[in-house]
PDB file of all heavy atoms in Angstrom:
ATOM      1  N   PRO A   1       0.806  -1.234   0.000  1.00  0.00           N
ATOM      2  CA  PRO A   1       0.000   0.000   0.000  1.00  0.00           C
ATOM      3  C   PRO A   1       0.832   1.272   0.000  1.00  0.00           C
ATOM      4  O   PRO A   1       0.464   2.265  -0.634  1.00  0.00           O
ATOM      5  CB  PRO A   1      -0.814  -0.125   1.283  1.00  0.00           C
ATOM      6  CG  PRO A   1      -0.966  -1.597   1.482  1.00  0.00           C
ATOM      7  CD  PRO A   1       0.334  -2.190   1.016  1.00  0.00           C
ATOM      8  N   LEU A   2       1.987   1.276   0.714  1.00  0.00           N
ATOM      9  CA  LEU A   2       2.853   2.449   0.739  1.00  0.00           C
ATOM     10  C   LEU A   2       3.280   2.829  -0.666  1.00  0.00           C
ATOM     11  O   LEU A   2       3.246   4.006  -1.051  1.00  0.00           O
ATOM     12  CB  LEU A   2       4.098   2.167   1.602  1.00  0.00           C
ATOM     13  CG  LEU A   2       5.241   3.190   1.485  1.00  0.00           C
ATOM     14  CD1 LEU A   2       4.800   4.543   2.010  1.00  0.00           C
ATOM     15  CD2 LEU A   2       6.489   2.698   2.223  1.00  0.00           C
ATOM     16  N   VAL A   3       3.667   1.827  -1.452  1.00  0.00           N
ATOM     17  CA  VAL A   3       4.125   2.078  -2.815  1.00  0.00           C
ATOM     18  C   VAL A   3       2.984   2.618  -3.669  1.00  0.00           C
ATOM     19  O   VAL A   3       3.170   3.552  -4.452  1.00  0.00           O
ATOM     20  CB  VAL A   3       4.697   0.785  -3.439  1.00  0.00           C
ATOM     21  CG1 VAL A   3       5.006   0.989  -4.918  1.00  0.00           C
ATOM     22  CG2 VAL A   3       5.943   0.350  -2.683  1.00  0.00           C
ATOM     23  N   GLN A   4       1.807   2.037  -3.525  1.00  0.00           N
ATOM     24  CA  GLN A   4       0.659   2.490  -4.303  1.00  0.00           C
ATOM     25  C   GLN A   4       0.297   3.934  -3.976  1.00  0.00           C
ATOM     26  O   GLN A   4      -0.009   4.730  -4.872  1.00  0.00           O
ATOM     27  CB  GLN A   4      -0.538   1.570  -4.049  1.00  0.00           C
ATOM     28  CG  GLN A   4      -0.315   0.138  -4.522  1.00  0.00           C
ATOM     29  CD  GLN A   4      -1.508  -0.756  -4.243  1.00  0.00           C
ATOM     30  OE1 GLN A   4      -2.656  -0.322  -4.318  1.00  0.00           O
ATOM     31  NE2 GLN A   4      -1.237  -2.014  -3.915  1.00  0.00           N
ATOM     32  N   ARG A   5       0.360   4.301  -2.694  1.00  0.00           N
ATOM     33  CA  ARG A   5       0.079   5.679  -2.298  1.00  0.00           C
ATOM     34  C   ARG A   5       1.125   6.626  -2.868  1.00  0.00           C
ATOM     35  O   ARG A   5       0.801   7.729  -3.330  1.00  0.00           O
ATOM     36  CB  ARG A   5       0.023   5.803  -0.767  1.00  0.00           C
ATOM     37  CG  ARG A   5      -1.214   5.175  -0.136  1.00  0.00           C
ATOM     38  CD  ARG A   5      -1.383   5.640   1.297  1.00  0.00           C
ATOM     39  NE  ARG A   5      -0.246   5.263   2.132  1.00  0.00           N
ATOM     40  CZ  ARG A   5      -0.149   4.109   2.776  1.00  0.00           C
ATOM     41  NH1 ARG A   5      -1.122   3.208   2.681  1.00  0.00           N
ATOM     42  NH2 ARG A   5       0.904   3.838   3.526  1.00  0.00           N
ATOM     43  N   GLU A   6       2.400   6.199  -2.833  1.00  0.00           N
ATOM     44  CA  GLU A   6       3.458   7.045  -3.380  1.00  0.00           C
ATOM     45  C   GLU A   6       3.286   7.234  -4.878  1.00  0.00           C
ATOM     46  O   GLU A   6       3.505   8.334  -5.397  1.00  0.00           O
ATOM     47  CB  GLU A   6       4.832   6.425  -3.083  1.00  0.00           C
ATOM     48  CG  GLU A   6       5.267   6.600  -1.638  1.00  0.00           C
ATOM     49  CD  GLU A   6       6.699   6.147  -1.411  1.00  0.00           C
ATOM     50  OE1 GLU A   6       7.217   5.366  -2.240  1.00  0.00           O
ATOM     51  OE2 GLU A   6       7.304   6.577  -0.420  1.00  0.00           O
ATOM     52  N   GLU A   7       2.911   6.180  -5.593  1.00  0.00           N
ATOM     53  CA  GLU A   7       2.702   6.287  -7.035  1.00  0.00           C
ATOM     54  C   GLU A   7       1.574   7.267  -7.345  1.00  0.00           C
ATOM     55  O   GLU A   7       1.664   8.058  -8.285  1.00  0.00           O
ATOM     56  CB  GLU A   7       2.374   4.909  -7.634  1.00  0.00           C
ATOM     57  CG  GLU A   7       3.566   3.980  -7.724  1.00  0.00           C
ATOM     58  CD  GLU A   7       4.592   4.457  -8.743  1.00  0.00           C
ATOM     59  OE1 GLU A   7       4.188   4.921  -9.830  1.00  0.00           O
ATOM     60  OE2 GLU A   7       5.794   4.371  -8.445  1.00  0.00           O
ATOM     61  N   GLN A   8       0.524   7.219  -6.559  1.00  0.00           N
ATOM     62  CA  GLN A   8      -0.588   8.151  -6.751  1.00  0.00           C
ATOM     63  C   GLN A   8      -0.130   9.588  -6.510  1.00  0.00           C
ATOM     64  O   GLN A   8      -0.505  10.511  -7.245  1.00  0.00           O
ATOM     65  CB  GLN A   8      -1.749   7.787  -5.811  1.00  0.00           C
ATOM     66  CG  GLN A   8      -2.433   6.463  -6.159  1.00  0.00           C
ATOM     67  CD  GLN A   8      -3.395   5.999  -5.083  1.00  0.00           C
ATOM     68  OE1 GLN A   8      -3.524   6.624  -4.025  1.00  0.00           O
ATOM     69  NE2 GLN A   8      -4.084   4.887  -5.334  1.00  0.00           N
ATOM     70  N   GLY A   9       0.696   9.774  -5.470  1.00  0.00           N
ATOM     71  CA  GLY A   9       1.210  11.107  -5.183  1.00  0.00           C
ATOM     72  C   GLY A   9       2.141  11.606  -6.280  1.00  0.00           C
ATOM     73  O   GLY A   9       2.065  12.775  -6.684  1.00  0.00           O
ATOM     74  N   LEU A  10       3.008  10.717  -6.788  1.00  0.00           N
ATOM     75  CA  LEU A  10       3.911  11.083  -7.883  1.00  0.00           C
ATOM     76  C   LEU A  10       3.130  11.469  -9.127  1.00  0.00           C
ATOM     77  O   LEU A  10       3.470  12.421  -9.825  1.00  0.00           O
ATOM     78  CB  LEU A  10       4.856   9.921  -8.209  1.00  0.00           C
ATOM     79  CG  LEU A  10       5.997   9.654  -7.228  1.00  0.00           C
ATOM     80  CD1 LEU A  10       6.719   8.364  -7.592  1.00  0.00           C
ATOM     81  CD2 LEU A  10       6.981  10.818  -7.209  1.00  0.00           C
ATOM     82  N   HIS A  11       2.065  10.726  -9.393  1.00  0.00           N
ATOM     83  CA  HIS A  11       1.230  11.008 -10.571  1.00  0.00           C
ATOM     84  C   HIS A  11       0.590  12.388 -10.442  1.00  0.00           C
ATOM     85  O   HIS A  11       0.592  13.188 -11.392  1.00  0.00           O
ATOM     86  CB  HIS A  11       0.169   9.929 -10.727  1.00  0.00           C
ATOM     87  CG  HIS A  11      -0.682  10.088 -11.946  1.00  0.00           C
ATOM     88  ND1 HIS A  11      -1.795  10.920 -11.970  1.00  0.00           N
ATOM     89  CD2 HIS A  11      -0.596   9.536 -13.189  1.00  0.00           C
ATOM     90  CE1 HIS A  11      -2.351  10.867 -13.167  1.00  0.00           C
ATOM     91  NE2 HIS A  11      -1.639  10.038 -13.923  1.00  0.00           N
ATOM     92  N   ALA A  12       0.052  12.678  -9.263  1.00  0.00           N
ATOM     93  CA  ALA A  12      -0.612  13.967  -9.048  1.00  0.00           C
ATOM     94  C   ALA A  12       0.381  15.130  -9.177  1.00  0.00           C
ATOM     95  O   ALA A  12       0.080  16.148  -9.812  1.00  0.00           O
ATOM     96  CB  ALA A  12      -1.281  13.989  -7.670  1.00  0.00           C
ATOM     97  N   GLU A  13       1.577  14.976  -8.589  1.00  0.00           N
ATOM     98  CA  GLU A  13       2.594  16.024  -8.672  1.00  0.00           C
ATOM     99  C   GLU A  13       3.078  16.204 -10.109  1.00  0.00           C
ATOM    100  O   GLU A  13       3.297  17.326 -10.569  1.00  0.00           O
ATOM    101  CB  GLU A  13       3.781  15.679  -7.756  1.00  0.00           C
ATOM    102  CG  GLU A  13       3.487  15.819  -6.283  1.00  0.00           C
ATOM    103  CD  GLU A  13       3.109  17.240  -5.896  1.00  0.00           C
ATOM    104  OE1 GLU A  13       3.807  18.187  -6.333  1.00  0.00           O
ATOM    105  OE2 GLU A  13       2.113  17.415  -5.181  1.00  0.00           O
ATOM    106  N   ALA A  14       3.240  15.078 -10.816  1.00  0.00           N
ATOM    107  CA  ALA A  14       3.701  15.153 -12.205  1.00  0.00           C
ATOM    108  C   ALA A  14       2.680  15.861 -13.082  1.00  0.00           C
ATOM    109  O   ALA A  14       3.049  16.632 -13.977  1.00  0.00           O
ATOM    110  CB  ALA A  14       3.984  13.745 -12.742  1.00  0.00           C
ATOM    111  N   MET A  15       1.402  15.633 -12.835  1.00  0.00           N
ATOM    112  CA  MET A  15       0.359  16.288 -13.627  1.00  0.00           C
ATOM    113  C   MET A  15       0.360  17.797 -13.392  1.00  0.00           C
ATOM    114  O   MET A  15       0.103  18.582 -14.318  1.00  0.00           O
ATOM    115  CB  MET A  15      -1.005  15.695 -13.299  1.00  0.00           C
ATOM    116  CG  MET A  15      -1.247  14.313 -13.892  1.00  0.00           C
ATOM    117  SD  MET A  15      -1.012  14.245 -15.696  1.00  0.00           S
ATOM    118  CE  MET A  15      -2.289  15.387 -16.256  1.00  0.00           C
ATOM    119  N   LYS A  16       0.684  18.220 -12.177  1.00  0.00           N
ATOM    120  CA  LYS A  16       0.782  19.658 -11.900  1.00  0.00           C
ATOM    121  C   LYS A  16       1.921  20.274 -12.713  1.00  0.00           C
ATOM    122  O   LYS A  16       1.789  21.381 -13.258  1.00  0.00           O
ATOM    123  CB  LYS A  16       1.027  19.891 -10.406  1.00  0.00           C
ATOM    124  CG  LYS A  16      -0.159  19.557  -9.511  1.00  0.00           C
ATOM    125  CD  LYS A  16       0.195  19.786  -8.050  1.00  0.00           C
ATOM    126  CE  LYS A  16      -0.954  19.381  -7.132  1.00  0.00           C
ATOM    127  NZ  LYS A  16      -0.585  19.530  -5.700  1.00  0.00           N
ATOM    128  N   ILE A  17       3.032  19.547 -12.799  1.00  0.00           N
ATOM    129  CA  ILE A  17       4.176  20.046 -13.567  1.00  0.00           C
ATOM    130  C   ILE A  17       3.859  20.049 -15.053  1.00  0.00           C
ATOM    131  O   ILE A  17       4.232  20.978 -15.780  1.00  0.00           O
ATOM    132  CB  ILE A  17       5.428  19.190 -13.271  1.00  0.00           C
ATOM    133  CG1 ILE A  17       5.846  19.397 -11.817  1.00  0.00           C
ATOM    134  CG2 ILE A  17       6.585  19.536 -14.215  1.00  0.00           C
ATOM    135  CD1 ILE A  17       6.919  18.449 -11.342  1.00  0.00           C
ATOM    136  N   VAL A  18       3.170  19.015 -15.523  1.00  0.00           N
ATOM    137  CA  VAL A  18       2.738  18.963 -16.922  1.00  0.00           C
ATOM    138  C   VAL A  18       1.934  20.209 -17.271  1.00  0.00           C
ATOM    139  O   VAL A  18       2.149  20.845 -18.312  1.00  0.00           O
ATOM    140  CB  VAL A  18       1.905  17.680 -17.182  1.00  0.00           C
ATOM    141  CG1 VAL A  18       1.129  17.793 -18.488  1.00  0.00           C
ATOM    142  CG2 VAL A  18       2.820  16.460 -17.229  1.00  0.00           C
ATOM    143  N   SER A  19       1.024  20.595 -16.394  1.00  0.00           N
ATOM    144  CA  SER A  19       0.200  21.786 -16.636  1.00  0.00           C
ATOM    145  C   SER A  19       1.042  23.057 -16.564  1.00  0.00           C
ATOM    146  O   SER A  19       0.884  23.965 -17.387  1.00  0.00           O
ATOM    147  CB  SER A  19      -0.938  21.851 -15.617  1.00  0.00           C
ATOM    148  OG  SER A  19      -1.830  20.769 -15.792  1.00  0.00           O
ATOM    149  N   LEU A  20       1.952  23.113 -15.580  1.00  0.00           N
ATOM    150  CA  LEU A  20       2.809  24.291 -15.420  1.00  0.00           C
ATOM    151  C   LEU A  20       3.633  24.540 -16.674  1.00  0.00           C
ATOM    152  O   LEU A  20       3.810  25.690 -17.100  1.00  0.00           O
ATOM    153  CB  LEU A  20       3.738  24.099 -14.217  1.00  0.00           C
ATOM    154  CG  LEU A  20       4.745  25.216 -13.935  1.00  0.00           C
ATOM    155  CD1 LEU A  20       4.039  26.468 -13.431  1.00  0.00           C
ATOM    156  CD2 LEU A  20       5.796  24.755 -12.924  1.00  0.00           C
ATOM    157  N   LEU A  21       4.121  23.464 -17.299  1.00  0.00           N
ATOM    158  CA  LEU A  21       4.976  23.573 -18.477  1.00  0.00           C
ATOM    159  C   LEU A  21       4.187  23.492 -19.781  1.00  0.00           C
ATOM    160  O   LEU A  21       4.782  23.420 -20.864  1.00  0.00           O
ATOM    161  CB  LEU A  21       6.046  22.471 -18.452  1.00  0.00           C
ATOM    162  CG  LEU A  21       6.974  22.466 -17.232  1.00  0.00           C
ATOM    163  CD1 LEU A  21       8.006  21.354 -17.358  1.00  0.00           C
ATOM    164  CD2 LEU A  21       7.654  23.817 -17.060  1.00  0.00           C
ATOM    165  N   GLU A  22       2.854  23.498 -19.657  1.00  0.00           N
ATOM    166  CA  GLU A  22       1.965  23.472 -20.821  1.00  0.00           C
ATOM    167  C   GLU A  22       2.244  22.268 -21.717  1.00  0.00           C
ATOM    168  O   GLU A  22       2.357  22.371 -22.937  1.00  0.00           O
ATOM    169  CB  GLU A  22       2.076  24.787 -21.612  1.00  0.00           C
ATOM    170  CG  GLU A  22       1.681  26.001 -20.782  1.00  0.00           C
ATOM    171  CD  GLU A  22       1.766  27.301 -21.567  1.00  0.00           C
ATOM    172  OE1 GLU A  22       2.304  27.293 -22.686  1.00  0.00           O
ATOM    173  OE2 GLU A  22       1.286  28.327 -21.035  1.00  0.00           O
ATOM    174  N   LEU A  23       2.335  21.105 -21.077  1.00  0.00           N
ATOM    175  CA  LEU A  23       2.571  19.848 -21.791  1.00  0.00           C
ATOM    176  C   LEU A  23       1.346  18.942 -21.777  1.00  0.00           C
ATOM    177  O   LEU A  23       1.436  17.764 -22.150  1.00  0.00           O
ATOM    178  CB  LEU A  23       3.761  19.109 -21.155  1.00  0.00           C
ATOM    179  CG  LEU A  23       5.141  19.753 -21.337  1.00  0.00           C
ATOM    180  CD1 LEU A  23       6.164  19.095 -20.411  1.00  0.00           C
ATOM    181  CD2 LEU A  23       5.593  19.666 -22.787  1.00  0.00           C
ATOM    182  N   ASP A  24       0.191  19.482 -21.385  1.00  0.00           N
ATOM    183  CA  ASP A  24      -1.028  18.671 -21.235  1.00  0.00           C
ATOM    184  C   ASP A  24      -1.366  17.898 -22.514  1.00  0.00           C
ATOM    185  O   ASP A  24      -1.745  16.719 -22.451  1.00  0.00           O
ATOM    186  CB  ASP A  24      -2.219  19.558 -20.854  1.00  0.00           C
ATOM    187  CG  ASP A  24      -1.934  20.416 -19.633  1.00  0.00           C
ATOM    188  OD1 ASP A  24      -1.213  21.415 -19.782  1.00  0.00           O
ATOM    189  OD2 ASP A  24      -2.425  20.082 -18.554  1.00  0.00           O
ATOM    190  N   ALA A  25      -1.219  18.544 -23.646  1.00  0.00           N
ATOM    191  CA  ALA A  25      -1.634  17.930 -24.913  1.00  0.00           C
ATOM    192  C   ALA A  25      -0.764  16.735 -25.298  1.00  0.00           C
ATOM    193  O   ALA A  25      -1.187  15.895 -26.101  1.00  0.00           O
ATOM    194  CB  ALA A  25      -1.604  18.965 -26.033  1.00  0.00           C
ATOM    195  N   VAL A  26       0.447  16.657 -24.736  1.00  0.00           N
ATOM    196  CA  VAL A  26       1.353  15.556 -25.104  1.00  0.00           C
ATOM    197  C   VAL A  26       1.721  14.698 -23.895  1.00  0.00           C
ATOM    198  O   VAL A  26       2.678  13.917 -23.951  1.00  0.00           O
ATOM    199  CB  VAL A  26       2.636  16.104 -25.763  1.00  0.00           C
ATOM    200  CG1 VAL A  26       2.326  16.782 -27.080  1.00  0.00           C
ATOM    201  CG2 VAL A  26       3.374  17.066 -24.827  1.00  0.00           C
ATOM    202  N   ALA A  27       0.961  14.794 -22.823  1.00  0.00           N
ATOM    203  CA  ALA A  27       1.303  14.096 -21.581  1.00  0.00           C
ATOM    204  C   ALA A  27       1.464  12.595 -21.778  1.00  0.00           C
ATOM    205  O   ALA A  27       2.302  11.954 -21.127  1.00  0.00           O
ATOM    206  CB  ALA A  27       0.243  14.373 -20.513  1.00  0.00           C
ATOM    207  N   HIS A  28       0.684  12.012 -22.672  1.00  0.00           N
ATOM    208  CA  HIS A  28       0.715  10.564 -22.862  1.00  0.00           C
ATOM    209  C   HIS A  28       1.411  10.161 -24.165  1.00  0.00           C
ATOM    210  O   HIS A  28       1.324   9.009 -24.597  1.00  0.00           O
ATOM    211  CB  HIS A  28      -0.700  10.001 -22.802  1.00  0.00           C
ATOM    212  CG  HIS A  28      -1.383  10.294 -21.495  1.00  0.00           C
ATOM    213  ND1 HIS A  28      -1.019   9.692 -20.308  1.00  0.00           N
ATOM    214  CD2 HIS A  28      -2.389  11.168 -21.184  1.00  0.00           C
ATOM    215  CE1 HIS A  28      -1.767  10.163 -19.327  1.00  0.00           C
ATOM    216  NE2 HIS A  28      -2.615  11.056 -19.825  1.00  0.00           N
ATOM    217  N   ALA A  29       2.105  11.111 -24.778  1.00  0.00           N
ATOM    218  CA  ALA A  29       2.873  10.815 -25.992  1.00  0.00           C
ATOM    219  C   ALA A  29       4.280  10.340 -25.614  1.00  0.00           C
ATOM    220  O   ALA A  29       4.823  10.735 -24.582  1.00  0.00           O
ATOM    221  CB  ALA A  29       2.981  12.059 -26.868  1.00  0.00           C
ATOM    222  N   ARG A  30       4.840   9.460 -26.450  1.00  0.00           N
ATOM    223  CA  ARG A  30       6.215   9.029 -26.222  1.00  0.00           C
ATOM    224  C   ARG A  30       7.163  10.200 -26.491  1.00  0.00           C
ATOM    225  O   ARG A  30       6.985  10.953 -27.455  1.00  0.00           O
ATOM    226  CB  ARG A  30       6.582   7.863 -27.135  1.00  0.00           C
ATOM    227  CG  ARG A  30       5.834   6.582 -26.849  1.00  0.00           C
ATOM    228  CD  ARG A  30       6.356   5.458 -27.731  1.00  0.00           C
ATOM    229  NE  ARG A  30       6.329   5.812 -29.157  1.00  0.00           N
ATOM    230  CZ  ARG A  30       6.821   5.039 -30.121  1.00  0.00           C
ATOM    231  NH1 ARG A  30       7.378   3.876 -29.823  1.00  0.00           N
ATOM    232  NH2 ARG A  30       6.756   5.431 -31.376  1.00  0.00           N
ATOM    233  N   VAL A  31       8.163  10.328 -25.655  1.00  0.00           N
ATOM    234  CA  VAL A  31       9.122  11.425 -25.803  1.00  0.00           C
ATOM    235  C   VAL A  31       9.795  11.403 -27.171  1.00  0.00           C
ATOM    236  O   VAL A  31      10.008  12.447 -27.785  1.00  0.00           O
ATOM    237  CB  VAL A  31      10.170  11.354 -24.666  1.00  0.00           C
ATOM    238  CG1 VAL A  31      11.373  12.210 -24.984  1.00  0.00           C
ATOM    239  CG2 VAL A  31       9.555  11.811 -23.357  1.00  0.00           C
ATOM    240  N   MET A  32      10.108  10.225 -27.696  1.00  0.00           N
ATOM    241  CA  MET A  32      10.817  10.110 -28.963  1.00  0.00           C
ATOM    242  C   MET A  32      10.013  10.647 -30.143  1.00  0.00           C
ATOM    243  O   MET A  32      10.582  10.952 -31.190  1.00  0.00           O
ATOM    244  CB  MET A  32      11.190   8.641 -29.226  1.00  0.00           C
ATOM    245  CG  MET A  32      10.004   7.719 -29.378  1.00  0.00           C
ATOM    246  SD  MET A  32      10.487   5.973 -29.459  1.00  0.00           S
ATOM    247  CE  MET A  32      11.401   5.935 -30.993  1.00  0.00           C
ATOM    248  N   ASP A  33       8.712  10.802 -29.966  1.00  0.00           N
ATOM    249  CA  ASP A  33       7.852  11.282 -31.049  1.00  0.00           C
ATOM    250  C   ASP A  33       7.651  12.795 -31.023  1.00  0.00           C
ATOM    251  O   ASP A  33       6.908  13.337 -31.850  1.00  0.00           O
ATOM    252  CB  ASP A  33       6.483  10.591 -30.976  1.00  0.00           C
ATOM    253  CG  ASP A  33       6.570   9.082 -31.159  1.00  0.00           C
ATOM    254  OD1 ASP A  33       7.457   8.645 -31.925  1.00  0.00           O
ATOM    255  OD2 ASP A  33       5.777   8.353 -30.531  1.00  0.00           O
TER     256      ASP A  33
END
């Protein structure tokens, strides 16, 4: 459970950064593309 909670927290924090850097439209795109 500790790991699952941490993953959820990492996901939430990463999404905030995605929005801050205006990367929402490519959040689920592969970096190489």
